[in-house]
Amino acid sequence: RSPYHGWYRWADEPHDYLGPWGQRVWHQLAWWQRGWQHFDYLAYYGVFSPHMPDLDLRHPQATQAIHAVARFWLEEMRADGFRLDAARHLIEDGTVQEDTAATHDWLRRFFAVVKATAPDAVLVGEIWAESEIVATYGPDQVDLTFQFDLATAIVEAVRDRRADGLARALQAIQLGFSSGRFATFLSNHDQVRVLTQLAGDRDGARLAASLLLTLPGVPFIYYGEEIGMVGSKPDPRIRTPMQWTSGRHAGFSSHRPWQRLQLGHDTTNVENELADPGSLLHHYRRLIRLRNARPSLHLGTYRPIATGSAQLFAFLRRAGAEATLVVVHLGDEPLADYRLDVGPSDLTGAAAADLASGLALPPLAATGYRPIDRLAPHTAYLIALGPGE
């Protein structure tokens, strides 16, 4: 018997209970017993697939091995941290297969090992659940957690031209998290790519990027999102090679890659978009530079602003005396009849300027504020606010 046999969960025969989304989790294994004229059957546990047996993390040696692997990557390879996949499914408690007390305890121990090895290392947890459940995983278990509800809300707001769902998602996050301790994103390796969800609407992709990179949290970008790569399920078709150039194999490799390229790779690629100042790639790069340069955007507080319109979303980010007002028009038509009600603030009367053009705008007003006469459709405005009078 292998010395690693005890690192997995076994049973004499498959249990009859199902997994969290109705899938079979106990899988039967059969092999010819040497010296016997019969098959010997065992069942093993694999929550995601029969091809992915789960480690039994109650086994001390299995956990010790993972700790050793983490130390190697942090000490020898100088890794900056880890993304923990499916972090809510680590240890089962009978038929309870998500969010068990043992899972939380295991993560606390792993967190302590990582921080003792490299105090500045970052742990990002993939916990695909509602924000209320996600909030239970920190800050002593992971540094950041991916916000799936918010990712869905951003894309749906852009696609459906409505801000109410996005406002609710952000309100839930503000209640459960402090100091921006969460990870934001638009899509990942398990989801249909953003531009495909938006039916090829590149203006919508720009708007989604504007929201991602101005909202609170720590933003993550799935590779290719910044150039507008497309892709739908099955999973291999949303994990196609990065499109670097219009050349052979899109510049990804000199050999044929594991997946055929997406249609349109000859025009949608890094090389072409670097040469076009109006491209989606340049939009991402400008937003990232702006976010890094303005403390209000990467460290600041978040305050929603009443707009009175389902197609208008606005919020204020602030760090000390520096503030940024973000106004996002989700609709398809220019909007002139609008008003922003910021409310009482020491910023009332502050000088305002459009961060994109540098043009001066009317000073901030507490109610009925209209910094721009007509808001262009599907456009985000970033407005710098100076100290109040």
Protein backbone atom coordinates (compact mmCIF):
# COMPACT_ATOMS: atom_id res chain seq x y z
CA ARG A 1 0.00 0.00 0.00
CA SER A 2 1.26 3.47 -0.84
CA PRO A 3 2.55 5.56 2.11
CA TYR A 4 0.24 8.29 0.85
CA HIS A 5 -2.90 6.17 1.01
CA GLY A 6 -4.01 7.83 4.25
CA TRP A 7 -3.77 11.29 2.69
CA TYR A 8 -7.10 10.68 0.92
CA ARG A 9 -10.63 9.81 2.00
CA TRP A 10 -11.70 6.23 1.37
CA ALA A 11 -14.78 4.09 1.95
CA ASP A 12 -15.59 0.44 1.27
CA GLU A 13 -18.31 1.57 -1.13
CA PRO A 14 -19.63 4.94 -2.34
CA HIS A 15 -21.81 6.84 0.10
CA ASP A 16 -25.18 7.85 -1.30
CA TYR A 17 -25.16 11.56 -0.37
CA LEU A 18 -24.46 14.16 -3.03
CA GLY A 19 -22.31 17.28 -3.16
CA PRO A 20 -23.20 20.94 -2.63
CA TRP A 21 -24.59 21.39 -6.15
CA GLY A 22 -26.10 17.93 -6.51
CA GLN A 23 -23.03 16.23 -7.94
CA ARG A 24 -21.69 12.78 -7.16
CA VAL A 25 -18.75 13.10 -4.73
CA TRP A 26 -17.95 9.46 -3.92
CA HIS A 27 -16.37 7.59 -6.81
CA GLN A 28 -15.78 3.87 -7.13
CA LEU A 29 -12.32 2.48 -7.77
CA ALA A 30 -11.70 -1.14 -8.77
CA TRP A 31 -8.50 -3.08 -9.33
CA TRP A 32 -7.49 -6.69 -9.77
CA GLN A 33 -6.31 -8.03 -6.45
CA ARG A 34 -2.98 -9.77 -7.11
CA GLY A 35 -3.19 -13.45 -6.23
CA TRP A 36 -6.99 -13.43 -5.93
CA GLN A 37 -9.59 -14.23 -8.51
CA HIS A 38 -11.82 -11.26 -7.87
CA PHE A 39 -11.97 -7.48 -8.03
CA ASP A 40 -11.44 -5.43 -4.86
CA TYR A 41 -13.57 -2.26 -4.70
CA LEU A 42 -13.00 0.97 -2.85
CA ALA A 43 -14.59 4.39 -3.08
CA TYR A 44 -12.78 7.70 -2.78
CA TYR A 45 -14.00 11.25 -2.20
CA GLY A 46 -13.60 13.97 -4.86
CA VAL A 47 -15.95 16.93 -4.57
CA PHE A 48 -15.17 18.45 -7.98
CA SER A 49 -14.41 15.48 -10.21
CA PRO A 50 -13.50 11.77 -10.17
CA HIS A 51 -10.21 12.93 -11.70
CA MET A 52 -9.48 15.16 -8.68
CA PRO A 53 -9.43 13.14 -5.43
CA ASP A 54 -9.57 15.39 -2.37
CA LEU A 55 -6.76 15.34 0.16
CA ASP A 56 -7.86 14.46 3.67
CA LEU A 57 -6.49 17.53 5.43
CA ARG A 58 -7.25 16.03 8.83
CA HIS A 59 -4.24 13.80 8.18
CA PRO A 60 -1.25 15.51 9.88
CA GLN A 61 1.29 14.47 7.24
CA ALA A 62 -0.83 15.81 4.38
CA THR A 63 -1.09 19.19 6.08
CA GLN A 64 2.62 19.19 6.95
CA ALA A 65 3.45 18.55 3.30
CA ILE A 66 1.35 21.53 2.21
CA HIS A 67 3.09 23.71 4.79
CA ALA A 68 6.46 22.56 3.41
CA VAL A 69 5.39 23.36 -0.15
CA ALA A 70 4.28 26.84 0.94
CA ARG A 71 7.60 27.50 2.70
CA PHE A 72 9.51 26.40 -0.40
CA TRP A 73 7.67 28.83 -2.67
CA LEU A 74 7.98 31.69 -0.21
CA GLU A 75 11.62 31.15 0.79
CA GLU A 76 13.26 29.60 -2.27
CA MET A 77 11.15 30.98 -5.10
CA ARG A 78 10.34 34.35 -3.49
CA ALA A 79 6.62 34.03 -4.23
CA ASP A 80 4.51 36.99 -3.09
CA GLY A 81 1.66 34.80 -1.88
CA PHE A 82 -0.96 32.28 -2.91
CA ARG A 83 -4.45 32.07 -4.34
CA LEU A 84 -6.35 29.38 -2.45
CA ASP A 85 -8.71 27.63 -4.82
CA ALA A 86 -12.10 26.44 -3.54
CA ALA A 87 -11.12 27.45 -0.01
CA ARG A 88 -14.55 26.70 1.47
CA HIS A 89 -14.32 23.00 0.51
CA LEU A 90 -11.18 21.92 2.38
CA ILE A 91 -12.50 19.64 5.13
CA GLU A 92 -15.89 17.93 5.29
CA ASP A 93 -17.93 17.20 8.39
CA GLY A 94 -20.03 14.20 7.45
CA THR A 95 -22.45 15.33 4.78
CA VAL A 96 -21.62 19.02 5.37
CA GLN A 97 -19.12 19.82 2.64
CA GLU A 98 -18.83 23.62 2.76
CA ASP A 99 -17.72 26.20 5.34
CA THR A 100 -17.10 23.73 8.15
CA ALA A 101 -15.46 24.73 11.43
CA ALA A 102 -12.55 22.41 10.57
CA THR A 103 -12.00 24.28 7.28
CA HIS A 104 -11.83 27.62 9.12
CA ASP A 105 -9.41 26.15 11.71
CA TRP A 106 -7.16 24.67 9.00
CA LEU A 107 -7.00 28.03 7.20
CA ARG A 108 -6.06 29.81 10.44
CA ARG A 109 -3.13 27.43 10.92
CA PHE A 110 -2.02 27.78 7.29
CA PHE A 111 -2.30 31.57 7.52
CA ALA A 112 -0.05 31.53 10.61
CA VAL A 113 2.55 29.38 8.83
CA VAL A 114 2.62 31.67 5.79
CA LYS A 115 2.90 34.86 7.85
CA ALA A 116 5.63 33.39 10.05
CA THR A 117 7.59 32.52 6.90
CA ALA A 118 6.95 35.73 4.95
CA PRO A 119 5.01 38.41 6.87
CA ASP A 120 4.25 40.43 3.71
CA ALA A 121 2.94 37.47 1.71
CA VAL A 122 -0.69 37.74 0.59
CA LEU A 123 -3.31 34.99 0.74
CA VAL A 124 -6.29 35.38 -1.58
CA GLY A 125 -9.20 33.04 -1.00
CA GLU A 126 -11.57 31.86 -3.70
CA ILE A 127 -14.81 31.43 -1.77
CA TRP A 128 -17.61 31.27 -4.31
CA ALA A 129 -20.54 32.25 -2.13
CA GLU A 130 -22.71 35.13 -0.99
CA SER A 131 -20.90 38.07 0.63
CA GLU A 132 -22.27 37.14 4.08
CA ILE A 133 -20.51 33.75 3.92
CA VAL A 134 -17.35 35.15 2.32
CA ALA A 135 -17.01 37.61 5.21
CA THR A 136 -16.49 34.74 7.66
CA TYR A 137 -13.11 33.93 6.08
CA GLY A 138 -10.87 36.55 7.59
CA PRO A 139 -8.85 38.42 8.51
CA ASP A 140 -7.09 35.59 10.37
CA GLN A 141 -7.57 33.05 7.55
CA VAL A 142 -6.89 34.96 4.32
CA ASP A 143 -5.92 38.55 3.56
CA LEU A 144 -8.42 38.96 0.73
CA THR A 145 -11.47 37.15 -0.60
CA PHE A 146 -12.80 37.31 -4.14
CA GLN A 147 -16.20 39.01 -4.36
CA PHE A 148 -18.26 36.98 -6.81
CA ASP A 149 -21.50 38.83 -6.08
CA LEU A 150 -19.83 42.13 -6.91
CA ALA A 151 -18.25 40.78 -10.11
CA THR A 152 -21.68 39.64 -11.31
CA ALA A 153 -23.24 42.96 -10.27
CA ILE A 154 -20.69 45.03 -12.22
CA VAL A 155 -21.15 43.09 -15.45
CA GLU A 156 -24.96 43.01 -15.09
CA ALA A 157 -25.08 46.77 -14.40
CA VAL A 158 -23.18 47.45 -17.63
CA ARG A 159 -25.16 44.90 -19.64
CA ASP A 160 -28.62 45.81 -18.30
CA ARG A 161 -28.00 49.58 -18.03
CA ARG A 162 -29.14 49.62 -14.39
CA ALA A 163 -27.26 50.52 -11.22
CA ASP A 164 -29.58 49.21 -8.48
CA GLY A 165 -28.11 45.69 -8.30
CA LEU A 166 -24.60 47.09 -8.15
CA ALA A 167 -25.57 49.45 -5.33
CA ARG A 168 -27.02 46.53 -3.32
CA ALA A 169 -23.92 44.39 -3.84
CA LEU A 170 -21.65 47.17 -2.63
CA GLN A 171 -23.86 47.83 0.39
CA ALA A 172 -23.59 44.15 1.41
CA ILE A 173 -19.81 44.26 1.06
CA GLN A 174 -19.52 47.45 3.10
CA LEU A 175 -21.43 45.75 5.91
CA GLY A 176 -19.23 42.65 5.95
CA PHE A 177 -15.76 43.98 5.23
CA SER A 178 -13.58 46.75 6.57
CA SER A 179 -10.64 48.68 5.13
CA GLY A 180 -11.16 47.39 1.60
CA ARG A 181 -10.17 43.84 2.63
CA PHE A 182 -11.59 42.12 -0.42
CA ALA A 183 -10.59 41.27 -3.97
CA THR A 184 -12.56 42.61 -6.92
CA PHE A 185 -12.65 41.17 -10.44
CA LEU A 186 -14.88 40.89 -13.50
CA SER A 187 -14.45 37.24 -14.51
CA ASN A 188 -12.05 34.37 -13.95
CA HIS A 189 -10.94 31.05 -15.44
CA ASP A 190 -14.26 29.38 -14.54
CA GLN A 191 -16.56 32.00 -16.08
CA VAL A 192 -17.58 33.19 -19.52
CA ARG A 193 -15.29 36.05 -20.48
CA VAL A 194 -16.56 39.59 -19.94
CA LEU A 195 -16.71 40.69 -23.57
CA THR A 196 -18.68 37.54 -24.43
CA GLN A 197 -21.10 38.23 -21.56
CA LEU A 198 -21.51 41.74 -22.99
CA ALA A 199 -22.20 40.38 -26.51
CA GLY A 200 -19.10 42.05 -27.93
CA ASP A 201 -19.87 45.53 -26.57
CA ARG A 202 -16.37 47.02 -26.24
CA ASP A 203 -17.75 50.29 -24.83
CA GLY A 204 -19.36 48.16 -22.15
CA ALA A 205 -16.04 46.43 -21.50
CA ARG A 206 -14.43 49.86 -21.01
CA LEU A 207 -17.16 50.84 -18.58
CA ALA A 208 -16.78 47.60 -16.61
CA ALA A 209 -13.04 48.29 -16.37
CA SER A 210 -13.74 51.81 -15.14
CA LEU A 211 -15.90 50.44 -12.34
CA LEU A 212 -13.45 47.69 -11.41
CA LEU A 213 -10.52 50.10 -11.13
CA THR A 214 -12.27 52.89 -9.23
CA LEU A 215 -14.30 50.90 -6.69
CA PRO A 216 -12.86 49.93 -3.29
CA GLY A 217 -11.07 46.63 -2.84
CA VAL A 218 -8.00 45.12 -4.50
CA PRO A 219 -8.64 44.62 -8.23
CA PHE A 220 -7.58 41.49 -10.12
CA ILE A 221 -7.61 41.23 -13.92
CA TYR A 222 -7.99 37.88 -15.67
CA TYR A 223 -5.43 37.65 -18.45
CA GLY A 224 -6.73 38.86 -21.82
CA GLU A 225 -9.54 40.86 -20.26
CA GLU A 226 -7.50 44.01 -20.81
CA ILE A 227 -7.50 43.51 -24.59
CA GLY A 228 -11.03 42.16 -24.94
CA MET A 229 -10.45 38.44 -25.42
CA VAL A 230 -13.62 36.37 -25.81
CA GLY A 231 -14.52 32.87 -24.70
CA SER A 232 -17.42 30.68 -23.56
CA LYS A 233 -17.68 27.33 -21.81
CA PRO A 234 -16.40 24.64 -21.80
CA ASP A 235 -13.52 25.69 -19.59
CA PRO A 236 -10.70 25.11 -22.11
CA ARG A 237 -12.30 27.72 -24.39
CA ILE A 238 -12.08 30.42 -21.71
CA ARG A 239 -8.42 29.54 -21.08
CA THR A 240 -7.08 29.92 -24.60
CA PRO A 241 -3.57 31.30 -25.24
CA MET A 242 -2.88 34.96 -24.60
CA GLN A 243 -3.09 36.93 -27.83
CA TRP A 244 0.19 38.86 -28.03
CA THR A 245 0.55 39.51 -31.75
CA SER A 246 -1.16 38.90 -35.09
CA GLY A 247 1.60 36.43 -36.00
CA ARG A 248 1.81 32.66 -35.83
CA HIS A 249 0.04 31.23 -32.79
CA ALA A 250 -0.67 34.86 -31.76
CA GLY A 251 2.91 35.17 -30.54
CA PHE A 252 2.17 32.87 -27.61
CA SER A 253 4.53 30.11 -28.66
CA SER A 254 6.59 28.85 -31.57
CA HIS A 255 4.75 25.53 -31.22
CA ARG A 256 1.06 24.82 -31.63
CA PRO A 257 -0.55 25.53 -28.23
CA TRP A 258 -2.89 23.21 -26.34
CA GLN A 259 -5.99 25.09 -27.53
CA ARG A 260 -6.83 26.67 -30.86
CA LEU A 261 -6.92 30.45 -30.78
CA GLN A 262 -10.11 32.46 -30.54
CA LEU A 263 -11.52 34.03 -33.68
CA GLY A 264 -10.35 37.61 -34.11
CA HIS A 265 -6.94 37.10 -32.54
CA ASP A 266 -5.34 38.66 -35.63
CA THR A 267 -6.89 42.02 -34.70
CA THR A 268 -7.47 41.68 -30.96
CA ASN A 269 -3.97 41.38 -29.58
CA VAL A 270 -1.50 43.31 -27.45
CA GLU A 271 0.64 44.42 -30.39
CA ASN A 272 -2.27 46.07 -32.21
CA GLU A 273 -3.77 47.65 -29.10
CA LEU A 274 -0.46 49.13 -27.96
CA ALA A 275 -0.36 50.98 -31.27
CA ASP A 276 -3.89 52.38 -30.79
CA PRO A 277 -4.21 55.09 -28.08
CA GLY A 278 -7.98 54.56 -28.04
CA SER A 279 -7.80 50.81 -27.41
CA LEU A 280 -9.19 48.90 -24.46
CA LEU A 281 -5.63 48.07 -23.38
CA HIS A 282 -4.68 51.75 -23.16
CA HIS A 283 -7.90 52.39 -21.21
CA TYR A 284 -6.86 49.79 -18.63
CA ARG A 285 -3.35 51.18 -18.44
CA ARG A 286 -4.57 54.74 -17.90
CA LEU A 287 -6.95 53.62 -15.16
CA ILE A 288 -4.24 51.61 -13.39
CA ARG A 289 -1.82 54.56 -13.48
CA LEU A 290 -4.53 56.85 -12.16
CA ARG A 291 -5.53 54.45 -9.39
CA ASN A 292 -1.91 54.08 -8.29
CA ALA A 293 -1.34 57.84 -8.36
CA ARG A 294 -4.40 58.81 -6.31
CA PRO A 295 -4.58 57.54 -2.71
CA SER A 296 -8.34 58.14 -2.69
CA LEU A 297 -8.76 55.46 -5.38
CA HIS A 298 -6.56 52.74 -3.91
CA LEU A 299 -6.86 53.48 -0.18
CA GLY A 300 -9.83 55.79 0.22
CA THR A 301 -13.19 55.36 1.87
CA TYR A 302 -16.28 54.68 -0.22
CA ARG A 303 -19.48 56.69 -0.01
CA PRO A 304 -22.44 56.13 -2.38
CA ILE A 305 -24.02 59.24 -3.87
CA ALA A 306 -27.77 59.51 -4.50
CA THR A 307 -28.53 60.14 -8.19
CA GLY A 308 -32.30 59.67 -8.53
CA SER A 309 -31.72 57.66 -11.73
CA ALA A 310 -31.49 53.90 -12.21
CA GLN A 311 -29.05 54.49 -15.07
CA LEU A 312 -26.69 56.70 -13.10
CA PHE A 313 -24.25 55.39 -10.51
CA ALA A 314 -22.02 57.70 -8.46
CA PHE A 315 -19.73 57.42 -5.45
CA LEU A 316 -17.10 59.36 -3.58
CA ARG A 317 -13.66 57.98 -2.69
CA ARG A 318 -11.62 59.90 -0.14
CA ALA A 319 -8.24 59.67 1.59
CA GLY A 320 -7.55 62.64 3.84
CA ALA A 321 -7.89 65.88 1.93
CA GLU A 322 -7.82 64.15 -1.45
CA ALA A 323 -11.12 63.00 -2.96
CA THR A 324 -12.36 61.58 -6.25
CA LEU A 325 -15.96 61.70 -7.38
CA VAL A 326 -16.88 58.94 -9.85
CA VAL A 327 -19.99 59.36 -12.00
CA VAL A 328 -20.98 56.46 -14.27
CA HIS A 329 -23.71 56.84 -16.88
CA LEU A 330 -24.90 53.36 -17.82
CA GLY A 331 -27.60 54.42 -20.28
CA ASP A 332 -27.60 54.49 -24.07
CA GLU A 333 -28.62 58.13 -24.52
CA PRO A 334 -27.02 61.41 -23.39
CA LEU A 335 -28.29 62.53 -20.00
CA ALA A 336 -28.77 66.18 -19.09
CA ASP A 337 -31.60 65.98 -16.55
CA TYR A 338 -29.80 64.59 -13.53
CA ARG A 339 -28.63 65.67 -10.09
CA LEU A 340 -26.15 64.35 -7.57
CA ASP A 341 -26.99 64.72 -3.89
CA VAL A 342 -23.70 64.40 -2.05
CA GLY A 343 -25.06 65.59 1.28
CA PRO A 344 -23.34 67.67 3.97
CA SER A 345 -19.57 67.51 3.75
CA ASP A 346 -16.52 69.61 4.39
CA LEU A 347 -15.90 69.16 0.66
CA THR A 348 -18.87 71.36 -0.21
CA GLY A 349 -17.55 74.17 -2.36
CA ALA A 350 -14.40 72.24 -3.27
CA ALA A 351 -12.76 72.95 -6.59
CA ALA A 352 -13.48 70.23 -9.16
CA ALA A 353 -11.64 69.10 -12.29
CA ASP A 354 -12.13 66.35 -14.85
CA LEU A 355 -9.20 63.96 -14.40
CA ALA A 356 -9.30 62.90 -18.06
CA SER A 357 -9.13 66.37 -19.61
CA GLY A 358 -7.94 68.53 -16.73
CA LEU A 359 -10.80 70.96 -17.37
CA ALA A 360 -12.20 72.86 -14.40
CA LEU A 361 -15.76 71.96 -13.38
CA PRO A 362 -18.30 73.72 -11.13
CA PRO A 363 -17.41 73.55 -7.41
CA LEU A 364 -18.98 70.69 -5.48
CA ALA A 365 -22.51 71.35 -4.21
CA ALA A 366 -24.21 69.37 -1.46
CA THR A 367 -27.44 68.91 -3.43
CA GLY A 368 -28.41 69.13 -7.06
CA TYR A 369 -24.80 68.96 -8.24
CA ARG A 370 -24.33 68.81 -12.01
CA PRO A 371 -20.60 68.86 -12.77
CA ILE A 372 -21.15 68.20 -16.49
CA ASP A 373 -24.03 69.54 -18.57
CA ARG A 374 -24.64 66.40 -20.60
CA LEU A 375 -23.34 62.97 -19.63
CA ALA A 376 -22.31 60.88 -22.61
CA PRO A 377 -23.82 57.37 -22.79
CA HIS A 378 -21.85 54.44 -21.40
CA THR A 379 -19.23 56.72 -19.92
CA ALA A 380 -17.47 57.04 -16.58
CA TYR A 381 -16.30 60.44 -15.32
CA LEU A 382 -13.56 60.78 -12.70
CA ILE A 383 -13.60 64.14 -10.98
CA ALA A 384 -10.83 65.40 -8.68
CA LEU A 385 -12.04 67.40 -5.71
CA GLY A 386 -9.83 69.87 -3.84
CA PRO A 387 -10.16 71.09 -0.24
CA GLY A 388 -13.50 72.70 0.63
CA GLU A 389 -13.83 76.42 1.23
